[in-house]
Amino acid sequence: MALRAADLAVGDTHEAVVVDGLTRTEIVQYAGASGDYNPLHTDEVFATQVAGYPSVFAHGMLTMGLTGKMLTDYVGDGRLTRFGGRFTSQVWPGDTLTAAATVMVVGEHDGVPTVELTVETRNQDGGVVFAGTAAARADLSRRTHLTCGYPFVKGISPIKSVHIVRFIPELSRSQRAIY
């Protein structure tokens, strides 16, 4: 589902649990996928006895990746235009992470509807482990829907709605040509 600019308001928040009880196995699987086998993330003896940490801990980019998944689920495929942030605390095995995106600005950039978001991921104790910002493209403000490849305006058949879409002023000439 894609964001529609007309449905967004500053302060709206989308929240999702991105991992429930992170396991050491998941941390090691991420090490394999990323190629980052730093022993702080994969070797319990090294992490505890040599480095002095209470345990191994997750890669920061694993936390960011989980947060990014929440964002793309919220804004829709191919719509995220910017995403960045900083890791503010370690993520330990057993942690449950909840990510939230809050709408800060709904506007336009180069004629394209956009939404600016703040992003925060917290552990089960409420501690912030990642904080950042993101931006995404939003749909036009008019409530048009695509059904079977044709625009569908609520309450009007797909054939008739093709003609109506041609007259929606927010659509650029190239967007109208698609229909």
Foldseek 3Di string as FASTA:
>chain_A
DAAALQPDDAFDKDKDWLDAQAALVNQVVVCVVVVPPPCLSNPQCCVCVVVNDPGRFHDLVVVVVSLVVSVCVHHHPPWWDDKDWDFDDTHHGGWTKMKMWGWHDFDDDPLFTKTKIWMFMATPVRHTGITIITMTTGHYNQDWDADPQAIDDPPDDRVVVLVVVLPPVSADPVRNVSD
